[in-house]
Amino acid sequence: KVKFTTKIYHPNVDENGRVCLPIISNENWKPCTKTCQVLEALNMLVNKPNLGEPLRVELADLLTQNPELFRKNAEEFTLQFGVDRPK
């Protein structure tokens, strides 16, 4: 399973950091799946949300109906909850 430890404002990540990532779902998982494939899928999902299967419907709806407000809220959320990268 994949989980964000820092809060993220994203339709495919729930309030506890759990991610809706098809490549790691029970029906799609294969023992030969590589870590790099999971990370690539996660990177793609973060940058291009899957609005067809959101964990947070209200965020998916906002992104669809008012992308500018969604991005503004996401920026404010990041400033409030984001953490610096370790050095």
Protein backbone atom coordinates (compact mmCIF):
# COMPACT_ATOMS: atom_id res chain seq x y z
CA LYS A 1 0.00 0.00 0.00
CA VAL A 2 1.01 3.62 -0.52
CA LYS A 3 0.36 6.39 1.97
CA PHE A 4 1.31 10.06 2.17
CA THR A 5 2.57 11.10 5.60
CA THR A 6 2.16 14.80 4.76
CA LYS A 7 -1.40 15.95 4.11
CA ILE A 8 -2.16 16.50 0.44
CA TYR A 9 -5.09 18.29 -1.23
CA HIS A 10 -5.89 15.73 -3.90
CA PRO A 11 -9.05 13.94 -5.07
CA ASN A 12 -7.34 10.53 -5.10
CA VAL A 13 -5.80 10.80 -1.62
CA ASP A 14 -8.02 10.58 1.45
CA GLU A 15 -7.67 12.62 4.65
CA ASN A 16 -5.48 9.88 6.17
CA GLY A 17 -3.04 9.89 3.25
CA ARG A 18 -4.25 6.66 1.65
CA VAL A 19 -3.99 6.66 -2.14
CA CYS A 20 -6.39 5.24 -4.72
CA LEU A 21 -3.76 3.79 -7.06
CA PRO A 22 -5.04 1.11 -9.47
CA ILE A 23 -1.63 -0.53 -10.00
CA ILE A 24 -1.57 -1.65 -6.35
CA SER A 25 -5.24 -2.63 -6.03
CA ASN A 26 -6.01 -6.27 -5.23
CA GLU A 27 -7.44 -6.94 -8.68
CA ASN A 28 -4.45 -5.42 -10.54
CA TRP A 29 -1.51 -6.38 -8.31
CA LYS A 30 1.07 -8.73 -9.78
CA PRO A 31 4.08 -10.12 -7.91
CA CYS A 32 6.29 -8.92 -10.77
CA THR A 33 5.21 -5.28 -10.30
CA LYS A 34 8.32 -3.19 -9.71
CA THR A 35 8.69 -0.39 -7.21
CA CYS A 36 9.62 2.01 -10.01
CA GLN A 37 6.32 1.21 -11.76
CA VAL A 38 4.38 2.03 -8.58
CA LEU A 39 6.31 5.29 -8.16
CA GLU A 40 5.74 6.24 -11.80
CA ALA A 41 2.01 5.56 -11.44
CA LEU A 42 1.92 7.63 -8.25
CA ASN A 43 3.74 10.51 -9.95
CA MET A 44 1.29 10.41 -12.85
CA LEU A 45 -1.70 10.34 -10.49
CA VAL A 46 -0.43 13.28 -8.44
CA ASN A 47 0.06 15.35 -11.59
CA LYS A 48 -3.09 14.18 -13.39
CA PRO A 49 -5.83 13.14 -10.94
CA ASN A 50 -8.18 10.30 -11.85
CA LEU A 51 -11.51 12.08 -11.52
CA GLY A 52 -13.42 8.92 -12.41
CA GLU A 53 -12.48 7.18 -9.14
CA PRO A 54 -11.96 9.87 -6.49
CA LEU A 55 -11.62 9.16 -2.79
CA ARG A 56 -12.65 12.76 -2.11
CA VAL A 57 -15.59 13.46 -4.39
CA GLU A 58 -15.88 17.08 -3.26
CA LEU A 59 -12.33 17.80 -4.48
CA ALA A 60 -12.93 16.02 -7.79
CA ASP A 61 -16.10 18.05 -8.28
CA LEU A 62 -14.30 21.30 -7.47
CA LEU A 63 -11.44 20.48 -9.84
CA THR A 64 -13.96 19.76 -12.60
CA GLN A 65 -16.21 22.75 -11.98
CA ASN A 66 -13.70 25.39 -10.88
CA PRO A 67 -10.07 24.40 -11.55
CA GLU A 68 -8.76 27.85 -10.65
CA LEU A 69 -10.32 27.71 -7.17
CA PHE A 70 -9.10 24.13 -6.74
CA ARG A 71 -5.51 25.20 -7.50
CA LYS A 72 -5.80 28.19 -5.16
CA ASN A 73 -7.07 25.94 -2.36
CA ALA A 74 -4.32 23.40 -3.07
CA GLU A 75 -1.65 26.12 -2.82
CA GLU A 76 -3.06 27.37 0.49
CA PHE A 77 -3.29 23.79 1.79
CA THR A 78 0.35 23.19 0.82
CA LEU A 79 1.49 26.35 2.61
CA GLN A 80 -0.44 25.29 5.71
CA PHE A 81 0.48 21.60 5.86
CA GLY A 82 3.57 21.18 3.67
CA VAL A 83 6.90 20.35 5.25
CA ASP A 84 10.42 21.18 4.14
CA ARG A 85 12.44 18.47 2.47
CA PRO A 86 15.12 16.92 4.67
CA LYS A 87 18.60 18.24 3.97
